[in-house]
Protein backbone atom coordinates (compact mmCIF):
# COMPACT_ATOMS: atom_id res chain seq x y z
CA MET A 1 0.00 0.00 0.00
CA ASN A 2 1.30 3.48 -0.88
CA THR A 3 1.25 5.31 2.48
CA SER A 4 1.41 8.74 0.79
CA GLU A 5 -1.74 8.15 -1.24
CA PRO A 6 -4.62 10.39 -0.04
CA LEU A 7 -7.69 8.80 1.49
CA SER A 8 -11.32 9.89 1.72
CA CYS A 9 -12.35 10.60 5.31
CA TYR A 10 -15.27 8.38 6.38
CA GLY A 11 -16.54 11.08 8.75
CA CYS A 12 -16.39 14.33 6.74
CA ASN A 13 -15.77 13.10 3.14
CA ARG A 14 -12.65 15.29 2.80
CA THR A 15 -9.55 13.88 1.16
CA VAL A 16 -6.70 13.80 3.65
CA PRO A 17 -3.32 12.09 3.85
CA LYS A 18 -2.97 9.22 6.29
CA CYS A 19 -0.80 11.27 8.63
CA SER A 20 -3.81 13.59 9.24
CA LEU A 21 -6.00 10.70 10.36
CA LEU A 22 -8.12 12.42 13.01
CA GLN A 23 -8.15 16.09 11.93
CA CYS A 24 -11.88 16.42 11.26
CA GLY A 25 -12.83 15.55 14.83
CA THR A 26 -15.47 13.04 13.77
CA ASP A 27 -16.63 10.43 16.25
CA LYS A 28 -16.91 7.81 13.53
CA ALA A 29 -14.25 5.42 12.32
CA TRP A 30 -12.59 7.05 9.30
CA TRP A 31 -11.35 4.76 6.62
CA LEU A 32 -11.96 1.64 8.71
CA PRO A 33 -14.60 -0.65 7.18
CA SER A 34 -18.00 0.50 8.40
CA PHE A 35 -18.92 -2.94 9.70
CA PHE A 36 -16.49 -2.54 12.61
CA GLY A 37 -18.90 0.03 14.11
CA ILE A 38 -16.19 1.56 16.35
CA GLY A 39 -15.68 5.24 17.10
CA CYS A 40 -12.48 7.23 16.83
CA ALA A 41 -12.14 7.84 20.57
CA PRO A 42 -9.93 4.76 21.24
CA LEU A 43 -7.80 5.57 18.19
CA ARG A 44 -7.44 9.22 19.19
CA TRP A 45 -6.29 8.15 22.67
CA ILE A 46 -3.70 5.76 21.24
CA LEU A 47 -2.44 8.26 18.70
CA THR A 48 -2.09 10.95 21.38
CA ILE A 49 0.31 8.65 23.22
CA VAL A 50 2.23 8.11 19.97
CA ASP A 51 2.52 11.86 19.39
CA GLY A 52 3.75 12.37 22.94
CA ALA A 53 6.42 9.74 22.46
CA ALA A 54 7.46 11.40 19.22
CA GLU A 55 7.84 14.77 20.98
CA ILE A 56 10.13 13.20 23.60
CA SER A 57 12.18 11.65 20.82
CA ALA A 58 12.59 15.09 19.21
CA VAL A 59 13.90 16.51 22.50
CA VAL A 60 16.66 13.89 22.72
CA GLY A 61 17.65 14.59 19.16
CA ARG A 62 15.87 11.95 17.13
CA LYS A 63 14.80 13.22 13.77
CA ARG A 64 11.09 12.97 13.28
CA THR A 65 9.58 13.18 9.84
CA GLU A 66 6.06 13.02 8.55
CA TYR A 67 6.99 9.78 6.87
CA CYS A 68 7.97 8.22 10.18
CA ARG A 69 4.82 9.47 11.89
CA SER A 70 2.62 8.03 9.16
CA ARG A 71 4.42 4.70 9.47
CA VAL A 72 3.99 4.68 13.25
CA ARG A 73 0.32 5.56 12.95
CA LEU A 74 -0.23 2.82 10.41
CA ALA A 75 1.52 0.26 12.60
CA LEU A 76 -0.53 1.35 15.63
CA LEU A 77 -3.73 1.14 13.65
CA LEU A 78 -2.96 -2.38 12.47
CA ALA A 79 -2.18 -3.39 16.04
CA PHE A 80 -5.47 -1.88 17.20
CA LEU A 81 -7.40 -3.83 14.56
CA ALA A 82 -5.62 -7.02 15.62
CA LEU A 83 -6.74 -6.42 19.20
CA ILE A 84 -10.41 -5.86 18.37
CA GLU A 85 -10.70 -8.67 15.82
CA PRO A 86 -11.28 -11.44 18.43
CA ALA A 87 -13.97 -9.36 20.12
CA MET A 88 -15.72 -8.69 16.80
CA ALA A 89 -15.54 -12.38 15.90
CA GLN A 90 -17.03 -13.32 19.24
CA LYS A 91 -19.82 -10.78 18.74
CA ASN A 92 -20.63 -12.19 15.32
CA ASP A 93 -20.68 -15.77 16.65
CA SER A 94 -22.68 -15.12 19.82
CA GLY A 95 -25.34 -12.61 18.86
CA GLY A 96 -26.75 -10.05 16.48
CA GLU A 97 -28.47 -10.73 13.19
CA MET A 98 -30.56 -13.86 12.85
CA SER A 99 -30.92 -16.06 9.79
CA PRO A 100 -34.20 -15.87 7.83
CA GLN A 101 -34.88 -19.52 8.68
CA LEU A 102 -34.54 -18.89 12.42
CA LYS A 103 -36.70 -15.77 12.20
CA ALA A 104 -39.42 -17.75 10.45
CA MET A 105 -39.20 -20.44 13.12
CA PHE A 106 -39.71 -17.95 15.98
CA GLU A 107 -42.60 -16.26 14.19
CA ALA A 108 -44.20 -19.66 13.73
CA LYS A 109 -43.77 -20.41 17.43
CA VAL A 110 -45.35 -17.09 18.40
CA LYS A 111 -48.23 -17.85 16.02
CA ALA A 112 -48.66 -21.27 17.65
CA GLU A 113 -48.61 -19.62 21.07
CA TRP A 114 -51.49 -17.28 20.20
CA GLU A 115 -53.45 -20.03 18.49
CA ALA A 116 -53.17 -22.03 21.72
CA LEU A 117 -54.37 -19.04 23.73
CA LYS A 118 -57.33 -18.50 21.42
CA ASN A 119 -58.26 -22.20 21.37
CA LYS A 120 -57.49 -22.69 25.09
CA ASP A 121 -55.13 -25.53 24.17
CA LYS A 122 -53.22 -26.25 27.38
CA LYS A 123 -50.92 -28.92 25.95
CA THR A 124 -49.69 -26.90 22.96
CA TYR A 125 -49.27 -23.81 25.10
CA GLY A 126 -47.43 -25.68 27.86
CA ASP A 127 -45.05 -27.33 25.37
CA LEU A 128 -43.89 -23.87 24.26
CA LEU A 129 -42.98 -22.69 27.78
CA ALA A 130 -39.82 -23.37 29.76
CA ASP A 131 -40.27 -24.90 33.21
CA GLU A 132 -39.12 -21.68 34.88
CA TYR A 133 -41.30 -19.50 32.66
CA GLN A 134 -42.47 -16.15 34.01
CA GLY A 135 -45.06 -13.96 32.28
CA VAL A 136 -46.18 -10.42 33.01
CA GLU A 137 -49.40 -9.18 31.39
CA VAL A 138 -51.07 -5.76 31.32
CA ASP A 139 -53.80 -6.76 33.79
CA GLY A 140 -51.60 -5.78 36.74
CA LYS A 141 -51.79 -9.20 38.43
CA GLY A 142 -48.03 -9.62 38.57
CA GLU A 143 -45.88 -12.48 37.36
CA ARG A 144 -47.34 -15.80 36.33
CA THR A 145 -45.46 -19.08 36.49
CA LYS A 146 -45.85 -21.76 33.84
CA ILE A 147 -48.47 -23.61 35.89
CA GLN A 148 -50.43 -20.42 36.59
CA ALA A 149 -50.38 -19.37 32.94
CA ILE A 150 -51.62 -22.78 31.79
CA ASN A 151 -54.36 -22.92 34.42
CA GLU A 152 -55.67 -19.49 33.36
CA LEU A 153 -56.24 -20.53 29.73
CA PRO A 154 -59.92 -21.50 30.20
CA GLU A 155 -60.61 -17.98 31.51
CA GLY A 156 -59.39 -16.35 28.31
CA ASN A 157 -61.83 -14.77 25.85
CA ILE A 158 -59.68 -13.95 22.81
CA VAL A 159 -61.67 -14.60 19.64
CA ASN A 160 -59.09 -13.28 17.18
CA TYR A 161 -55.71 -11.55 17.05
CA THR A 162 -53.34 -9.81 14.66
CA LEU A 163 -49.54 -10.11 14.93
CA TRP A 164 -47.20 -7.63 13.30
CA GLY A 165 -43.91 -5.74 13.65
CA PHE A 166 -41.72 -8.76 14.40
CA LYS A 167 -38.11 -8.11 15.37
CA GLU A 168 -35.77 -10.94 16.32
CA MET A 169 -32.30 -10.75 17.83
CA ALA A 170 -29.90 -13.60 18.58
CA LEU A 171 -28.40 -13.19 22.04
CA GLY A 172 -26.22 -16.28 21.70
CA PRO A 173 -26.33 -19.79 20.25
CA ASP A 174 -28.98 -20.84 22.78
CA SER A 175 -30.96 -17.66 23.46
CA ALA A 176 -32.97 -15.14 21.46
CA PHE A 177 -35.07 -12.03 21.98
CA VAL A 178 -38.33 -11.61 20.06
CA ILE A 179 -40.51 -8.51 20.08
CA TYR A 180 -43.75 -7.79 18.24
CA GLU A 181 -47.14 -6.15 18.58
CA VAL A 182 -50.45 -7.93 18.87
CA THR A 183 -54.00 -6.61 18.63
CA MET A 184 -56.43 -8.87 20.49
CA GLN A 185 -60.15 -9.01 19.65
CA PHE A 186 -62.71 -10.00 22.28
CA PRO A 187 -66.39 -11.10 21.98
CA PRO A 188 -68.96 -8.49 20.84
CA LYS A 189 -70.57 -8.21 24.28
CA SER A 190 -67.27 -7.60 26.05
CA VAL A 191 -66.69 -4.25 27.74
CA LEU A 192 -63.34 -4.09 25.91
CA ARG A 193 -63.51 -5.16 22.28
CA TYR A 194 -59.87 -4.62 21.32
CA SER A 195 -56.55 -4.42 23.10
CA ARG A 196 -53.18 -3.61 21.54
CA VAL A 197 -50.01 -4.61 23.39
CA TYR A 198 -46.28 -4.56 22.74
CA VAL A 199 -44.79 -7.96 23.57
CA SER A 200 -41.21 -8.89 24.49
CA GLU A 201 -40.29 -12.57 24.70
CA LEU A 202 -37.06 -14.29 25.74
CA TRP A 203 -36.52 -17.72 24.22
CA VAL A 204 -33.89 -20.30 25.24
CA LYS A 205 -32.87 -23.63 23.76
CA ARG A 206 -33.35 -26.55 26.16
CA ALA A 207 -32.44 -30.11 25.12
CA GLY A 208 -32.45 -29.02 21.48
CA GLU A 209 -35.88 -27.37 21.67
CA TRP A 210 -36.67 -23.65 21.87
CA ARG A 211 -38.79 -22.69 24.89
CA GLU A 212 -40.22 -19.36 25.99
CA LEU A 213 -38.57 -18.28 29.25
CA HIS A 214 -40.05 -14.81 29.79
CA TYR A 215 -43.09 -12.92 28.45
CA GLN A 216 -43.73 -9.21 28.99
CA GLU A 217 -46.68 -7.10 27.82
CA THR A 218 -46.79 -3.30 27.55
CA HIS A 219 -50.08 -1.61 26.69
CA VAL A 220 -50.00 0.74 23.69
CA LYS A 221 -52.71 2.98 22.28
């Protein structure tokens, strides 16, 4: 790589030489690939130390040139990237974006969950829940255990529902976070005909099967 070749600044779009790496004061990574998602603050801190060392060298008589500074900066930058690479690899392996197949699987499980609630199907509903399941609904009755949630199914009066706004996030190889909105429809003679809630669900893999560990409702208008 030609170290004197000008580069386009990722933060301000100006063309600057490498030795002017942080002149624009942006908080974004400059010419680093955007997928690293790291700010310039750690780099600025490291490069400040380098500049201080260079000043000391000048005092004791070492000749400092822009060429040397650019080489030092480049070496430091490569070292910095080497340090963060394991962390980025771990992040990519343990969490973040979810495959389309896994997203479809979770949406199907949520659909099965609401079908079980509507049909008051205790077995199907219970099979979706982890043994230590805890659920919090908007009725203000506090947390429900798996047994409590199953036993309350016959009391439900949902006649229809609409699911939308799914967002899924992998938290690790055996855990995932699923959020969505649901609009519930109740019988015509009910005091409340419709209810719209924002739902957050935590799913975990147990013995090769995905189970719902936590359920949280938030009422929305």
